[in-house]
Amino acid sequence: MAEEQGLIVDEDEVNELMENERELSRKARLAKLAEGKGSKDLSVSAEQTSHLEKELKLATTNDDFKYFLDDLVEYSLKAKVQAIYHSREVGFVDSCSVDSEMVGLVLDRTSFYSESGGQIFDTGLITGGDSVFEVHDVQCYAGFVLHIGKILSKGSGINVTDEILCKPNLSRRSDIAKNHTLTHVLNLALRNTLIKPDSDATIGQKGSFLDETKLRFDFSFGKALTTSQLKSVEDHCQSVIDENLTVYTEVSDLKEAMNIATLRAVFGEVYPEKVRVVSVGAPVDEVLKDPHNAQYWENSIEFCGGTHLKNTGAAASFCLLNEEGIAKGVRRITACTGQVADEAIALGNNLKCEVDKAGNLEGEELDTAIKTLTASVNEADMSAALKAELRDTLQVYSKKLVTFKKAQEKKIISEVLNDVGETVACGKSSVVYRKDFGINGKLSKAILTGVQKKYKSCNMMLVSADSEDKKLFLGAMAAANKDQARDCQEWLKSAMGGYEGRGGGKKNAAQYTLEAPSNESLDSMISNIIQNAN
């Protein structure tokens, strides 16, 4: 794909970045686990797994039960405690209690999913006798599944050889499964959107992560997706959900499964002899019978050991939140499903209504709306495609506002010139004029320059107040006729009297910005300055 885009992917850099991210994730997880367990180190290495296998003569954990998914059913699995891991310092112990803080339970079998393949671990409860063990994290080391957590209340505790019940949080697992299944669908949607028909190019998966709130998918592609491409990918994923397709899983021989022409496998990944095939919308056994059938290009088919939905309709909604580059030739998409997606979609729709309403505003109201809505849109967790559309609309409003402001400024300049002209006609060579338009250096200069050009014998002092910030602009420009020109610096200093301001200038032009004292109103200050100037 990179070659098709005229790019070269630096695989070493990509791998280094991915490894750095994995390390950061691992450190963050360990730091989270450290909460409430003091300085205990629950990390596991070959030393601990060797002890389990060779010293304790334990078989690895059977985790075939981790695929159960029905959050409406009370589900528990009977298992036996094979070992209790206290810490790297202490090693394995025979029992644990509420005083043990965080420990790791090794079971003979489990229904908990251990973190792997980019999917977050399960959480839940393990009960035994009068004790309840809360599972915070689940990791697999050399086939031994470690359930990391702590006993919630006083009781007899949990001992090695105890019979216990595994009770994973199936509601959380269901949300995780929604994100995992839609990660597969997203992979297919990207291929169908970005790759031209009959092309040998592909979108290569570079990594993924998913939990109960979001999914993240990294893929090889040479440039940012356009708004229309983002919308196409998002619509594709939602259409697969709406079709309520069955999600099929089947364990197959690797050699046979690799014959599937439409298979989305991770380049460079080493797979075992037996692989679990996950297919969205097409029975795996039928696909294996006719692996080169072109009709399966419309189905997501991947190797995966994660938990998945029974049908895509259970995901309910999909929202593509963000698309960004993370390395040369590698892009990342963040998305969500279910209730989180519903909330993101609702937020996006509400903001769209607000943006649409803002189109009827003008002037200062429109200016305020643009600033407020731009901040809201930028910060919102909403559809990336809709966000891009709203930004474009706000940009159109901004251009409309610029046109409006130019017209207003032109009107102000004309008004000031007419008023000053009447004063000059009465024989005055120095004019002090107040026109409140805030602190606007560009407009102030335009007014002063306009007066100088049109009324060459007129010295002009301009006063403009910003009542919201209690600030004042004071500017002066000398008459074009040098024999009638005043020293603007001296004139402004005289007008300011005891007030302090920031600014400066020369004899022919000067300006200052002043802030009203806390014990005086802005209007009182202006009145004193105008009186001094005259």
Protein backbone atom coordinates (compact mmCIF):
# COMPACT_ATOMS: atom_id res chain seq x y z
CA MET A 1 0.00 0.00 0.00
CA ALA A 2 2.84 2.39 0.87
CA GLU A 3 4.47 1.74 -2.51
CA GLU A 4 1.18 2.51 -4.26
CA GLN A 5 1.17 5.88 -2.48
CA GLY A 6 4.81 6.51 -3.39
CA LEU A 7 5.95 6.12 0.21
CA ILE A 8 8.42 3.98 2.11
CA VAL A 9 7.41 2.60 5.52
CA ASP A 10 10.19 2.59 8.09
CA GLU A 11 9.32 -0.76 9.68
CA ASP A 12 12.02 -0.43 12.35
CA GLU A 13 10.64 2.93 13.46
CA VAL A 14 7.08 1.62 13.49
CA ASN A 15 8.05 -1.43 15.54
CA GLU A 16 10.03 0.73 17.96
CA LEU A 17 7.07 3.07 18.44
CA MET A 18 4.70 0.15 18.95
CA GLU A 19 7.02 -1.41 21.51
CA ASN A 20 7.29 1.92 23.33
CA GLU A 21 3.50 2.14 23.46
CA ARG A 22 3.24 -1.40 24.80
CA GLU A 23 5.81 -0.60 27.46
CA LEU A 24 3.97 2.58 28.46
CA SER A 25 0.73 0.59 28.64
CA ARG A 26 2.41 -2.08 30.77
CA LYS A 27 3.85 0.52 33.16
CA ALA A 28 0.49 2.27 33.44
CA ARG A 29 -1.21 -1.05 34.22
CA LEU A 30 1.37 -1.94 36.86
CA ALA A 31 1.06 1.52 38.39
CA LYS A 32 -2.70 1.09 38.57
CA LEU A 33 -2.28 -2.32 40.16
CA ALA A 34 0.11 -0.80 42.68
CA GLU A 35 -2.75 1.21 44.17
CA GLY A 36 -3.61 -0.38 47.48
CA LYS A 37 -0.83 -2.97 47.49
CA GLY A 38 2.09 -0.87 48.68
CA SER A 39 5.39 -1.80 47.10
CA LYS A 40 4.51 -5.40 46.21
CA ASP A 41 5.81 -6.59 42.85
CA LEU A 42 3.40 -9.03 41.17
CA SER A 43 5.26 -9.30 37.88
CA VAL A 44 5.91 -12.84 36.64
CA SER A 45 8.93 -14.15 34.74
CA ALA A 46 10.35 -17.53 33.73
CA GLU A 47 11.44 -18.15 37.32
CA GLN A 48 7.86 -18.17 38.60
CA THR A 49 6.37 -20.18 35.72
CA SER A 50 9.18 -22.73 36.02
CA HIS A 51 8.37 -23.10 39.71
CA LEU A 52 4.70 -23.76 38.88
CA GLU A 53 5.55 -26.32 36.24
CA LYS A 54 8.58 -28.11 37.67
CA GLU A 55 8.35 -27.67 41.44
CA LEU A 56 4.60 -27.69 41.96
CA LYS A 57 3.98 -30.00 38.97
CA LEU A 58 0.96 -27.99 37.84
CA ALA A 59 -0.75 -28.18 34.47
CA THR A 60 -1.40 -24.91 32.66
CA THR A 61 -4.78 -23.21 33.09
CA ASN A 62 -7.62 -24.33 30.85
CA ASP A 63 -9.25 -21.09 29.66
CA ASP A 64 -11.57 -22.55 27.00
CA PHE A 65 -14.52 -21.23 29.02
CA LYS A 66 -13.65 -17.56 28.43
CA TYR A 67 -15.89 -17.22 25.36
CA PHE A 68 -19.23 -17.40 27.18
CA LEU A 69 -21.19 -14.24 26.46
CA ASP A 70 -24.68 -13.60 27.79
CA ASP A 71 -24.89 -10.71 30.22
CA LEU A 72 -28.51 -11.60 31.04
CA VAL A 73 -27.57 -14.98 32.51
CA GLU A 74 -26.07 -15.61 35.95
CA TYR A 75 -22.90 -17.49 35.04
CA SER A 76 -20.22 -19.07 37.18
CA LEU A 77 -17.57 -21.72 36.60
CA LYS A 78 -16.30 -24.15 39.22
CA ALA A 79 -12.54 -24.27 39.48
CA LYS A 80 -9.75 -25.11 41.93
CA VAL A 81 -7.03 -22.86 43.31
CA GLN A 82 -3.69 -24.33 42.23
CA ALA A 83 -1.35 -21.65 43.56
CA ILE A 84 -1.38 -18.24 45.24
CA TYR A 85 1.25 -15.73 44.21
CA HIS A 86 2.11 -13.26 46.97
CA SER A 87 4.89 -11.28 45.24
CA ARG A 88 8.29 -11.65 43.60
CA GLU A 89 9.91 -11.10 46.99
CA VAL A 90 7.89 -13.74 48.88
CA GLY A 91 6.93 -16.05 46.03
CA PHE A 92 4.03 -18.50 46.32
CA VAL A 93 2.04 -18.99 49.53
CA ASP A 94 -0.62 -21.44 50.73
CA SER A 95 -3.36 -18.94 51.57
CA CYS A 96 -4.47 -15.33 51.39
CA SER A 97 -6.80 -13.15 53.42
CA VAL A 98 -8.08 -9.57 53.48
CA ASP A 99 -4.73 -8.59 55.02
CA SER A 100 -2.81 -9.96 52.02
CA GLU A 101 -3.79 -6.98 49.88
CA MET A 102 -3.17 -7.70 46.17
CA VAL A 103 -2.24 -11.29 45.23
CA GLY A 104 -2.48 -13.51 42.16
CA LEU A 105 -4.56 -16.70 41.99
CA VAL A 106 -3.60 -19.49 39.59
CA LEU A 107 -6.57 -21.78 38.84
CA ASP A 108 -6.84 -25.14 37.12
CA ARG A 109 -9.43 -23.63 34.76
CA THR A 110 -11.03 -20.24 34.30
CA SER A 111 -13.75 -18.31 32.50
CA PHE A 112 -11.78 -15.05 32.79
CA TYR A 113 -10.16 -13.64 29.66
CA SER A 114 -6.49 -12.76 30.11
CA GLU A 115 -5.17 -9.71 28.27
CA SER A 116 -3.93 -10.66 24.80
CA GLY A 117 -4.25 -9.82 21.11
CA GLY A 118 -4.95 -6.18 21.89
CA GLN A 119 -8.00 -7.02 24.03
CA ILE A 120 -8.20 -5.85 27.65
CA PHE A 121 -8.53 -8.43 30.46
CA ASP A 122 -11.76 -9.39 32.21
CA THR A 123 -12.68 -8.21 35.70
CA GLY A 124 -15.16 -9.75 38.11
CA LEU A 125 -15.37 -11.87 41.24
CA ILE A 126 -14.02 -15.19 42.51
CA THR A 127 -15.97 -16.60 45.45
CA GLY A 128 -14.95 -19.36 47.83
CA GLY A 129 -16.62 -20.23 51.12
CA ASP A 130 -17.30 -16.96 52.94
CA SER A 131 -14.69 -15.00 50.98
CA VAL A 132 -15.08 -12.81 47.91
CA PHE A 133 -12.02 -12.10 45.78
CA GLU A 134 -12.27 -9.08 43.45
CA VAL A 135 -10.39 -9.60 40.17
CA HIS A 136 -8.69 -6.40 38.97
CA ASP A 137 -6.46 -7.82 36.21
CA VAL A 138 -5.89 -11.12 34.40
CA GLN A 139 -2.62 -12.04 32.69
CA CYS A 140 -1.34 -15.24 31.14
CA TYR A 141 2.27 -16.36 31.62
CA ALA A 142 3.43 -19.46 29.75
CA GLY A 143 -0.09 -20.86 29.87
CA PHE A 144 -0.70 -20.11 33.56
CA VAL A 145 -3.52 -17.57 34.00
CA LEU A 146 -2.89 -15.21 36.92
CA HIS A 147 -5.99 -13.57 38.44
CA ILE A 148 -4.74 -10.45 40.20
CA GLY A 149 -6.90 -8.89 42.90
CA LYS A 150 -7.73 -8.88 46.58
CA ILE A 151 -10.20 -10.27 49.10
CA LEU A 152 -12.92 -7.73 49.84
CA SER A 153 -13.90 -8.55 53.43
CA LYS A 154 -12.86 -10.54 56.46
CA GLY A 155 -13.53 -14.25 56.39
CA SER A 156 -11.68 -17.54 56.33
CA GLY A 157 -9.76 -16.45 53.23
CA ILE A 158 -8.79 -18.53 50.19
CA ASN A 159 -6.40 -21.48 50.32
CA VAL A 160 -4.58 -23.61 47.77
CA THR A 161 -6.81 -26.56 46.66
CA ASP A 162 -10.00 -24.61 47.56
CA GLU A 163 -12.97 -25.03 45.25
CA ILE A 164 -14.08 -21.61 43.99
CA LEU A 165 -16.49 -20.03 41.51
CA CYS A 166 -15.35 -17.75 38.68
CA LYS A 167 -17.79 -14.92 37.98
CA PRO A 168 -16.49 -12.56 35.29
CA ASN A 169 -18.31 -9.27 34.75
CA LEU A 170 -20.32 -10.28 31.68
CA SER A 171 -21.82 -6.83 31.13
CA ARG A 172 -18.31 -5.40 30.79
CA ARG A 173 -17.28 -8.36 28.62
CA SER A 174 -20.25 -7.68 26.36
CA ASP A 175 -19.08 -4.09 25.80
CA ILE A 176 -15.56 -5.36 25.10
CA ALA A 177 -16.94 -7.89 22.61
CA LYS A 178 -18.83 -5.13 20.79
CA ASN A 179 -15.59 -3.23 20.30
CA HIS A 180 -13.65 -6.35 19.29
CA THR A 181 -16.13 -7.50 16.67
CA LEU A 182 -16.35 -3.99 15.23
CA THR A 183 -12.55 -3.78 15.12
CA HIS A 184 -12.72 -6.66 12.62
CA VAL A 185 -15.50 -4.93 10.69
CA LEU A 186 -13.49 -1.69 10.69
CA ASN A 187 -10.52 -3.53 9.17
CA LEU A 188 -12.74 -4.69 6.31
CA ALA A 189 -14.35 -1.24 5.92
CA LEU A 190 -10.93 0.37 5.54
CA ARG A 191 -9.93 -2.09 2.84
CA ASN A 192 -13.17 -1.64 0.92
CA THR A 193 -12.99 2.16 1.19
CA LEU A 194 -9.30 2.82 0.53
CA ILE A 195 -8.30 0.04 -1.87
CA LYS A 196 -9.40 0.19 -5.49
CA PRO A 197 -11.22 -2.84 -6.95
CA ASP A 198 -8.96 -5.51 -8.50
CA SER A 199 -5.94 -4.00 -6.74
CA ASP A 200 -3.28 -6.22 -5.16
CA ALA A 201 -2.61 -3.58 -2.53
CA THR A 202 -3.89 -3.98 1.02
CA ILE A 203 -4.33 -2.21 4.33
CA GLY A 204 -1.90 -3.80 6.76
CA GLN A 205 -2.86 -4.04 10.42
CA LYS A 206 -0.12 -2.56 12.62
CA GLY A 207 -1.69 -3.00 16.02
CA SER A 208 -4.89 -2.64 17.99
CA PHE A 209 -6.22 -2.12 21.48
CA LEU A 210 -9.74 -2.31 22.82
CA ASP A 211 -11.53 -2.21 26.13
CA GLU A 212 -15.11 -1.65 27.29
CA THR A 213 -15.19 2.01 26.21
CA LYS A 214 -13.35 2.23 22.89
CA LEU A 215 -11.38 0.50 20.17
CA ARG A 216 -8.14 1.62 18.57
CA PHE A 217 -6.86 0.30 15.25
CA ASP A 218 -3.47 1.05 13.65
CA PHE A 219 -2.96 0.41 9.95
CA SER A 220 -0.54 1.16 7.14
CA PHE A 221 -1.65 3.99 4.88
CA GLY A 222 0.29 6.89 3.45
CA LYS A 223 -1.99 9.86 4.12
CA ALA A 224 -4.86 11.15 6.22
CA LEU A 225 -8.34 9.97 5.33
CA THR A 226 -10.63 12.55 3.74
CA THR A 227 -13.94 13.50 5.30
CA SER A 228 -15.81 11.45 2.70
CA GLN A 229 -13.58 8.42 3.38
CA LEU A 230 -14.14 8.72 7.12
CA LYS A 231 -17.89 8.86 6.55
CA SER A 232 -17.74 5.90 4.17
CA VAL A 233 -15.86 3.78 6.73
CA GLU A 234 -18.25 4.80 9.51
CA ASP A 235 -21.34 4.10 7.38
CA HIS A 236 -19.95 0.70 6.34
CA CYS A 237 -19.50 -0.34 9.97
CA GLN A 238 -22.97 0.85 10.92
CA SER A 239 -24.53 -0.98 7.97
CA VAL A 240 -22.93 -4.26 9.09
CA ILE A 241 -24.44 -3.69 12.55
CA ASP A 242 -27.85 -2.94 11.03
CA GLU A 243 -27.70 -6.15 8.99
CA ASN A 244 -27.56 -8.12 12.26
CA LEU A 245 -25.06 -10.60 10.82
CA THR A 246 -24.15 -13.77 12.68
CA VAL A 247 -20.57 -13.93 13.95
CA TYR A 248 -19.14 -17.42 13.35
CA THR A 249 -16.11 -18.93 15.10
CA GLU A 250 -14.35 -22.22 14.42
CA VAL A 251 -10.98 -23.73 15.25
CA SER A 252 -9.20 -24.90 12.11
CA ASP A 253 -5.85 -26.22 10.91
CA LEU A 254 -3.58 -23.29 10.09
CA LYS A 255 -2.61 -24.68 6.71
CA GLU A 256 -6.24 -25.06 5.65
CA ALA A 257 -7.30 -21.67 7.01
CA MET A 258 -4.45 -19.85 5.26
CA ASN A 259 -6.03 -20.85 1.93
CA ILE A 260 -8.90 -18.41 2.54
CA ALA A 261 -8.30 -15.78 -0.13
CA THR A 262 -10.12 -13.02 1.76
CA LEU A 263 -8.44 -13.71 5.10
CA ARG A 264 -7.22 -10.62 6.98
CA ALA A 265 -4.07 -11.91 8.69
CA VAL A 266 -1.41 -9.80 10.40
CA PHE A 267 1.75 -9.71 8.31
CA GLY A 268 4.72 -11.27 10.09
CA GLU A 269 2.60 -12.86 12.84
CA VAL A 270 3.52 -16.44 13.80
CA TYR A 271 0.36 -18.52 14.23
CA PRO A 272 -0.01 -21.93 15.96
CA GLU A 273 -0.96 -25.09 14.07
CA LYS A 274 -4.54 -24.68 15.26
CA VAL A 275 -6.14 -21.26 14.76
CA ARG A 276 -9.50 -19.80 15.71
CA VAL A 277 -11.21 -18.30 12.66
CA VAL A 278 -13.73 -15.50 13.27
CA SER A 279 -16.05 -14.72 10.36
CA VAL A 280 -18.72 -12.02 10.26
CA GLY A 281 -21.70 -13.10 8.18
CA ALA A 282 -20.28 -16.27 6.56
CA PRO A 283 -20.14 -19.72 8.24
CA VAL A 284 -16.50 -20.74 8.64
CA ASP A 285 -17.09 -24.31 7.46
CA GLU A 286 -18.61 -23.03 4.19
CA VAL A 287 -15.74 -20.61 3.69
CA LEU A 288 -13.21 -23.43 4.18
CA LYS A 289 -15.01 -25.54 1.55
CA ASP A 290 -14.70 -22.77 -1.04
CA PRO A 291 -11.83 -20.54 0.21
CA HIS A 292 -11.34 -18.65 -3.09
CA ASN A 293 -14.97 -17.61 -3.55
CA ALA A 294 -15.00 -13.88 -4.32
CA GLN A 295 -18.28 -13.38 -2.46
CA TYR A 296 -16.36 -13.54 0.84
CA TRP A 297 -14.66 -10.23 0.05
CA GLU A 298 -17.73 -8.69 1.67
CA ASN A 299 -17.13 -10.59 4.93
CA SER A 300 -14.64 -9.90 7.68
CA ILE A 301 -12.60 -13.11 8.19
CA GLU A 302 -9.67 -13.12 10.61
CA PHE A 303 -7.68 -15.28 13.01
CA CYS A 304 -8.56 -14.22 16.54
CA GLY A 305 -8.58 -15.60 20.08
CA GLY A 306 -10.68 -12.79 21.53
CA THR A 307 -14.27 -12.58 22.72
CA HIS A 308 -16.86 -11.61 20.11
CA LEU A 309 -20.56 -10.94 19.72
CA LYS A 310 -22.95 -13.63 18.55
CA ASN A 311 -24.34 -11.19 16.00
CA THR A 312 -23.37 -7.69 14.92
CA GLY A 313 -26.74 -6.18 15.84
CA ALA A 314 -25.79 -6.39 19.53
CA ALA A 315 -23.27 -3.58 18.96
CA ALA A 316 -26.23 -1.25 18.22
CA SER A 317 -24.15 1.74 17.09
CA PHE A 318 -20.70 2.65 15.78
CA CYS A 319 -18.95 6.01 15.87
CA LEU A 320 -15.53 6.74 14.37
CA LEU A 321 -14.11 9.33 16.77
CA ASN A 322 -10.67 10.15 15.44
CA GLU A 323 -8.13 9.41 12.70
CA GLU A 324 -4.49 10.47 13.01
CA GLY A 325 -0.95 9.63 11.98
CA ILE A 326 1.26 8.00 14.62
CA ALA A 327 4.35 7.18 12.54
CA LYS A 328 5.57 7.43 8.98
CA GLY A 329 3.04 5.56 6.85
CA VAL A 330 0.95 4.43 9.86
CA ARG A 331 -2.49 5.80 10.76
CA ARG A 332 -4.64 5.24 13.85
CA ILE A 333 -8.42 5.18 14.16
CA THR A 334 -10.23 5.45 17.50
CA ALA A 335 -13.88 4.45 17.60
CA CYS A 336 -16.60 3.25 19.95
CA THR A 337 -19.78 1.16 19.93
CA GLY A 338 -22.96 0.64 21.91
CA GLN A 339 -24.02 3.23 24.48
CA VAL A 340 -20.74 5.15 24.22
CA ALA A 341 -21.32 5.50 20.47
CA ASP A 342 -24.93 6.55 21.05
CA GLU A 343 -23.74 9.32 23.35
CA ALA A 344 -21.11 10.45 20.84
CA ILE A 345 -23.66 10.46 18.00
CA ALA A 346 -26.19 12.39 20.10
CA LEU A 347 -23.54 14.96 21.04
CA GLY A 348 -22.59 15.37 17.39
CA ASN A 349 -26.21 15.82 16.34
CA ASN A 350 -26.81 18.42 19.07
CA LEU A 351 -23.74 20.37 18.00
CA LYS A 352 -24.88 20.21 14.37
CA CYS A 353 -28.20 21.77 15.38
CA GLU A 354 -26.35 24.54 17.24
CA VAL A 355 -24.05 25.17 14.28
CA ASP A 356 -27.02 25.28 11.90
CA LYS A 357 -28.80 27.81 14.15
CA ALA A 358 -25.68 29.97 14.27
CA GLY A 359 -25.96 30.45 10.51
CA ASN A 360 -28.90 32.81 11.14
CA LEU A 361 -26.85 35.11 13.39
CA GLU A 362 -24.86 38.21 12.44
CA GLY A 363 -22.30 40.53 13.91
CA GLU A 364 -21.21 40.14 17.52
CA GLU A 365 -23.71 37.34 18.12
CA LEU A 366 -22.23 35.34 15.26
CA ASP A 367 -18.69 36.12 16.43
CA THR A 368 -19.48 34.82 19.93
CA ALA A 369 -21.24 31.74 18.53
CA ILE A 370 -18.30 30.86 16.27
CA LYS A 371 -15.83 31.05 19.15
CA THR A 372 -18.03 29.01 21.49
CA LEU A 373 -18.99 26.38 18.93
CA THR A 374 -15.44 25.99 17.59
CA ALA A 375 -14.23 25.18 21.10
CA SER A 376 -17.15 22.79 21.71
CA VAL A 377 -16.66 20.95 18.40
CA ASN A 378 -12.89 20.64 18.89
CA GLU A 379 -13.29 19.18 22.38
CA ALA A 380 -16.23 16.87 21.62
CA ASP A 381 -15.96 13.09 21.43
CA MET A 382 -18.09 12.77 18.32
CA SER A 383 -18.00 11.47 14.76
CA ALA A 384 -14.75 12.58 13.12
CA ALA A 385 -16.51 12.97 9.76
CA LEU A 386 -19.24 15.15 11.26
CA LYS A 387 -16.63 17.13 13.20
CA ALA A 388 -14.81 17.90 9.95
CA GLU A 389 -18.08 18.98 8.32
CA LEU A 390 -18.96 21.28 11.23
CA ARG A 391 -15.48 22.81 11.16
CA ASP A 392 -15.94 23.54 7.45
CA THR A 393 -19.32 25.15 8.15
CA LEU A 394 -17.86 27.30 10.94
CA GLN A 395 -15.11 28.35 8.54
CA VAL A 396 -17.78 29.54 6.09
CA TYR A 397 -19.39 31.48 8.94
CA SER A 398 -16.01 33.02 9.77
CA LYS A 399 -15.65 34.29 6.20
CA LYS A 400 -19.17 35.69 6.42
CA LEU A 401 -18.20 37.40 9.67
CA VAL A 402 -15.06 38.91 8.11
CA THR A 403 -17.19 40.39 5.33
CA PHE A 404 -19.65 41.74 7.89
CA LYS A 405 -16.87 43.26 10.03
CA LYS A 406 -15.29 44.94 7.03
CA ALA A 407 -18.63 46.50 6.14
CA GLN A 408 -19.12 47.65 9.74
CA GLU A 409 -15.62 49.12 9.91
CA LYS A 410 -16.16 50.92 6.62
CA LYS A 411 -19.39 52.35 8.04
CA ILE A 412 -17.60 53.49 11.22
CA ILE A 413 -14.80 55.17 9.26
CA SER A 414 -17.33 56.99 7.07
CA GLU A 415 -19.31 58.12 10.11
CA VAL A 416 -16.21 59.47 11.90
CA LEU A 417 -14.94 61.28 8.80
CA ASN A 418 -18.32 62.98 8.31
CA ASP A 419 -18.50 64.09 11.96
CA VAL A 420 -14.90 65.34 11.98
CA GLY A 421 -15.58 67.20 8.73
CA GLU A 422 -18.40 69.14 10.39
CA THR A 423 -16.11 70.10 13.26
CA VAL A 424 -13.30 71.16 10.91
CA ALA A 425 -15.80 73.24 8.95
CA CYS A 426 -16.44 75.22 12.12
CA GLY A 427 -12.77 76.26 12.12
CA LYS A 428 -11.31 73.77 14.62
CA SER A 429 -7.79 72.48 13.88
CA SER A 430 -7.71 69.92 16.75
CA VAL A 431 -10.49 67.37 17.22
CA VAL A 432 -11.01 64.96 20.11
CA TYR A 433 -13.48 62.26 19.04
CA ARG A 434 -14.92 59.31 20.94
CA LYS A 435 -16.16 56.24 19.10
CA ASP A 436 -16.39 52.98 21.05
CA PHE A 437 -15.39 49.88 19.08
CA GLY A 438 -13.07 48.26 21.60
CA ILE A 439 -9.32 47.94 21.26
CA ASN A 440 -8.82 47.60 17.51
CA GLY A 441 -5.47 48.94 16.35
CA LYS A 442 -6.12 48.31 12.68
CA LEU A 443 -9.43 50.20 12.64
CA SER A 444 -8.00 53.01 14.79
CA LYS A 445 -5.13 53.52 12.37
CA ALA A 446 -7.53 53.51 9.41
CA ILE A 447 -9.65 56.24 11.04
CA LEU A 448 -6.69 58.45 12.01
CA THR A 449 -5.03 58.05 8.59
CA GLY A 450 -8.33 58.78 6.86
CA VAL A 451 -8.78 62.01 8.77
CA GLN A 452 -5.20 63.11 8.06
CA LYS A 453 -5.59 62.49 4.32
CA LYS A 454 -9.02 64.14 4.01
CA TYR A 455 -8.53 67.07 6.39
CA LYS A 456 -4.88 68.04 6.09
CA SER A 457 -5.06 70.84 8.65
CA CYS A 458 -6.73 68.68 11.33
CA ASN A 459 -4.98 67.16 14.36
CA MET A 460 -7.03 64.15 15.47
CA MET A 461 -7.27 62.40 18.87
CA LEU A 462 -9.35 59.21 18.89
CA VAL A 463 -10.85 57.66 22.03
CA SER A 464 -12.33 54.12 21.98
CA ALA A 465 -13.55 52.21 25.05
CA ASP A 466 -13.75 48.48 25.75
CA SER A 467 -16.36 48.46 28.51
CA GLU A 468 -16.12 44.69 29.06
CA ASP A 469 -12.42 44.78 29.97
CA LYS A 470 -12.51 48.36 31.35
CA LYS A 471 -9.80 49.39 28.90
CA LEU A 472 -9.33 52.43 26.72
CA PHE A 473 -7.56 53.12 23.42
CA LEU A 474 -6.12 56.61 23.02
CA GLY A 475 -4.49 57.55 19.72
CA ALA A 476 -3.46 60.76 17.97
CA MET A 477 -2.21 61.77 14.52
CA ALA A 478 -0.83 65.18 13.59
CA ALA A 479 -2.15 67.34 10.76
CA ALA A 480 -0.60 66.71 7.35
CA ASN A 481 0.21 70.43 7.12
CA LYS A 482 3.38 70.66 9.17
CA ASP A 483 2.87 74.28 10.19
CA GLN A 484 -0.41 73.25 11.86
CA ALA A 485 0.77 69.87 13.25
CA ARG A 486 0.77 69.24 17.01
CA ASP A 487 3.23 67.12 18.98
CA CYS A 488 1.11 63.97 19.46
CA GLN A 489 3.26 62.59 22.28
CA GLU A 490 2.88 65.77 24.34
CA TRP A 491 -0.82 66.04 23.48
CA LEU A 492 -1.58 62.48 24.65
CA LYS A 493 0.55 62.81 27.79
CA SER A 494 -1.28 66.02 28.66
CA ALA A 495 -4.65 64.34 28.08
CA MET A 496 -3.72 61.30 30.19
CA GLY A 497 -2.78 63.49 33.13
CA GLY A 498 -2.12 61.19 36.07
CA TYR A 499 -3.38 58.06 34.32
CA GLU A 500 -0.82 55.45 33.30
CA GLY A 501 -0.86 53.62 30.00
CA ARG A 502 1.15 51.37 27.76
CA GLY A 503 2.27 52.58 24.36
CA GLY A 504 4.25 55.35 22.74
CA GLY A 505 5.02 56.81 19.33
CA LYS A 506 6.49 59.91 17.70
CA LYS A 507 5.55 63.57 17.35
CA ASN A 508 3.38 62.92 14.29
CA ALA A 509 1.57 59.84 15.66
CA ALA A 510 1.24 58.08 19.02
CA GLN A 511 -1.07 55.72 20.86
CA TYR A 512 -1.66 54.30 24.34
CA THR A 513 -3.82 51.63 25.96
CA LEU A 514 -5.07 52.46 29.45
CA GLU A 515 -6.91 50.47 32.09
CA ALA A 516 -9.44 52.17 34.36
CA PRO A 517 -8.39 52.33 38.03
CA SER A 518 -10.30 50.01 40.36
CA ASN A 519 -11.79 53.00 42.19
CA GLU A 520 -13.00 54.84 39.08
CA SER A 521 -15.44 54.07 36.29
CA LEU A 522 -14.30 53.93 32.69
CA ASP A 523 -16.66 56.74 31.67
CA SER A 524 -15.31 59.00 34.42
CA MET A 525 -11.78 58.32 33.25
CA ILE A 526 -12.69 59.11 29.62
CA SER A 527 -14.45 62.31 30.64
CA ASN A 528 -11.30 63.50 32.45
CA ILE A 529 -9.05 62.62 29.49
CA ILE A 530 -11.25 64.45 26.97
CA GLN A 531 -11.41 67.48 29.23
CA ASN A 532 -7.58 67.49 29.55
CA ALA A 533 -7.18 67.07 25.77
CA ASN A 534 -9.31 70.11 25.00
